[in-house]
C-alpha atoms as a PDB file:
ATOM      1  CA  MET A   1      29.902  11.473 -58.712  1.00  0.00           C
ATOM      2  CA  LYS A   2      29.753  12.189 -55.188  1.00  0.00           C
ATOM      3  CA  HIS A   3      26.808  13.009 -53.170  1.00  0.00           C
ATOM      4  CA  LYS A   4      24.307  12.250 -55.895  1.00  0.00           C
ATOM      5  CA  ASN A   5      21.296  12.071 -54.143  1.00  0.00           C
ATOM      6  CA  SER A   6      21.838  15.686 -52.751  1.00  0.00           C
ATOM      7  CA  TYR A   7      21.128  16.965 -56.730  1.00  0.00           C
ATOM      8  CA  PHE A   8      17.648  14.945 -56.427  1.00  0.00           C
ATOM      9  CA  VAL A   9      16.999  16.411 -53.171  1.00  0.00           C
ATOM     10  CA  GLY A  10      17.296  19.848 -54.870  1.00  0.00           C
ATOM     11  CA  LEU A  11      15.210  18.815 -57.670  1.00  0.00           C
ATOM     12  CA  LEU A  12      12.391  17.781 -55.407  1.00  0.00           C
ATOM     13  CA  ILE A  13      12.674  21.010 -53.382  1.00  0.00           C
ATOM     14  CA  ILE A  14      12.227  23.051 -56.873  1.00  0.00           C
ATOM     15  CA  LEU A  15       9.203  20.568 -57.892  1.00  0.00           C
ATOM     16  CA  PHE A  16       7.611  20.667 -54.470  1.00  0.00           C
ATOM     17  CA  PHE A  17       7.877  24.609 -53.997  1.00  0.00           C
ATOM     18  CA  GLY A  18       6.514  24.866 -57.677  1.00  0.00           C
ATOM     19  CA  VAL A  19       3.662  22.505 -56.883  1.00  0.00           C
ATOM     20  CA  PHE A  20       3.076  24.463 -53.492  1.00  0.00           C
ATOM     21  CA  ALA A  21       3.026  27.889 -55.529  1.00  0.00           C
ATOM     22  CA  ILE A  22       0.526  26.821 -58.390  1.00  0.00           C
ATOM     23  CA  ILE A  23      -1.632  25.341 -55.757  1.00  0.00           C
ATOM     24  CA  ARG A  24      -1.566  28.427 -53.467  1.00  0.00           C
ATOM     25  CA  GLY A  25      -2.421  30.418 -56.421  1.00  0.00           C
ATOM     26  CA  GLN A  26      -5.684  28.717 -57.069  1.00  0.00           C
ATOM     27  CA  ASN A  27      -7.625  31.933 -57.657  1.00  0.00           C
ATOM     28  CA  ASN A  28      -4.987  33.915 -59.858  1.00  0.00           C
ATOM     29  CA  PRO A  29      -4.095  32.460 -63.222  1.00  0.00           C
ATOM     30  CA  THR A  30      -1.273  34.835 -64.244  1.00  0.00           C
ATOM     31  CA  LEU A  31       0.395  33.592 -60.534  1.00  0.00           C
ATOM     32  CA  GLN A  32      -0.243  29.858 -61.169  1.00  0.00           C
ATOM     33  CA  LEU A  33       1.477  30.383 -64.758  1.00  0.00           C
ATOM     34  CA  ALA A  34       4.479  32.369 -63.403  1.00  0.00           C
ATOM     35  CA  ALA A  35       4.885  29.998 -60.813  1.00  0.00           C
ATOM     36  CA  GLY A  36       4.743  27.345 -63.659  1.00  0.00           C
ATOM     37  CA  GLY A  37       7.123  29.251 -65.645  1.00  0.00           C
ATOM     38  CA  VAL A  38       9.630  29.592 -62.724  1.00  0.00           C
ATOM     39  CA  THR A  39       9.309  25.861 -61.662  1.00  0.00           C
ATOM     40  CA  SER A  40      10.245  24.979 -65.836  1.00  0.00           C
ATOM     41  CA  VAL A  41      13.206  27.137 -65.696  1.00  0.00           C
ATOM     42  CA  CYS A  42      14.727  25.850 -62.660  1.00  0.00           C
ATOM     43  CA  TYR A  43      13.935  22.309 -63.698  1.00  0.00           C
ATOM     44  CA  VAL A  44      15.628  22.938 -67.173  1.00  0.00           C
ATOM     45  CA  LEU A  45      19.013  24.754 -65.335  1.00  0.00           C
ATOM     46  CA  TRP A  46      18.713  21.749 -62.457  1.00  0.00           C
ATOM     47  CA  GLY A  47      19.168  19.405 -65.285  1.00  0.00           C
ATOM     48  CA  ILE A  48      21.947  21.214 -67.063  1.00  0.00           C
ATOM     49  CA  ILE A  49      23.890  21.499 -64.064  1.00  0.00           C
ATOM     50  CA  TYR A  50      23.157  17.811 -62.825  1.00  0.00           C
ATOM     51  CA  HIS A  51      24.692  16.753 -66.239  1.00  0.00           C
ATOM     52  CA  LEU A  52      27.596  19.167 -66.201  1.00  0.00           C
ATOM     53  CA  PHE A  53      28.563  18.085 -62.884  1.00  0.00           C
ATOM     54  CA  ALA A  54      28.293  14.574 -64.318  1.00  0.00           C
ATOM     55  CA  LYS A  55      30.394  15.296 -67.291  1.00  0.00           C
ATOM     56  CA  ASP A  56      27.751  13.655 -69.341  1.00  0.00           C
ATOM     57  CA  ILE A  57      26.013  16.769 -70.991  1.00  0.00           C
ATOM     58  CA  HIS A  58      25.294  16.488 -74.465  1.00  0.00           C
ATOM     59  CA  PHE A  59      22.990  18.588 -76.991  1.00  0.00           C
ATOM     60  CA  LYS A  60      20.651  16.007 -76.832  1.00  0.00           C
ATOM     61  CA  VAL A  61      20.278  16.107 -72.950  1.00  0.00           C
ATOM     62  CA  VAL A  62      19.774  19.779 -73.064  1.00  0.00           C
ATOM     63  CA  VAL A  63      16.924  19.565 -75.801  1.00  0.00           C
ATOM     64  CA  GLU A  64      15.547  17.124 -73.780  1.00  0.00           C
ATOM     65  CA  TYR A  65      15.091  19.263 -70.392  1.00  0.00           C
ATOM     66  CA  LEU A  66      14.149  22.086 -72.739  1.00  0.00           C
ATOM     67  CA  LEU A  67      11.255  20.122 -74.441  1.00  0.00           C
ATOM     68  CA  ILE A  68      10.056  18.547 -70.986  1.00  0.00           C
ATOM     69  CA  GLY A  69      10.035  22.344 -69.426  1.00  0.00           C
ATOM     70  CA  VAL A  70       8.226  23.773 -72.308  1.00  0.00           C
ATOM     71  CA  LEU A  71       5.684  20.847 -72.662  1.00  0.00           C
ATOM     72  CA  ALA A  72       4.891  20.961 -68.748  1.00  0.00           C
ATOM     73  CA  PHE A  73       4.331  24.770 -68.890  1.00  0.00           C
ATOM     74  CA  VAL A  74       2.065  24.463 -71.986  1.00  0.00           C
ATOM     75  CA  PHE A  75       0.179  21.848 -70.284  1.00  0.00           C
ATOM     76  CA  LEU A  76      -0.395  24.220 -67.343  1.00  0.00           C
ATOM     77  CA  ALA A  77      -1.119  27.183 -69.261  1.00  0.00           C
ATOM     78  CA  THR A  78      -3.763  24.919 -71.135  1.00  0.00           C
ATOM     79  CA  ILE A  79      -5.419  23.535 -67.766  1.00  0.00           C
ATOM     80  CA  VAL A  80      -5.086  26.966 -66.472  1.00  0.00           C
ATOM     81  CA  TYR A  81      -6.918  29.003 -69.168  1.00  0.00           C
ATOM     82  CA  VAL A  82      -9.242  26.449 -70.244  1.00  0.00           C
END
C-alpha cells in the first residue's frame, strides 16, 4: 500500500482535533460529549477506510474498531458526567 504514513497522519489529525475540542469545551459537558462522539465516529470510519484500501478488511476488524470507538465514548461520558 502506497503512502501508508499519510493514513496515520490523517488519524493523528482526527485525534488531535478531537482532544482539542474536548479540552476547549471544558465547561460544557454536552459539547465535550458531542466532540467525543464525532471523534469516535471519525476513528471508526478511518479504520474501515484504511483497511479497505489495504485490502485486508474483515468483519472482525470492523467490530474491533466499533468496540474501541464505543468504549472510548463510554469512558468519556463516564468522566464528563461523574
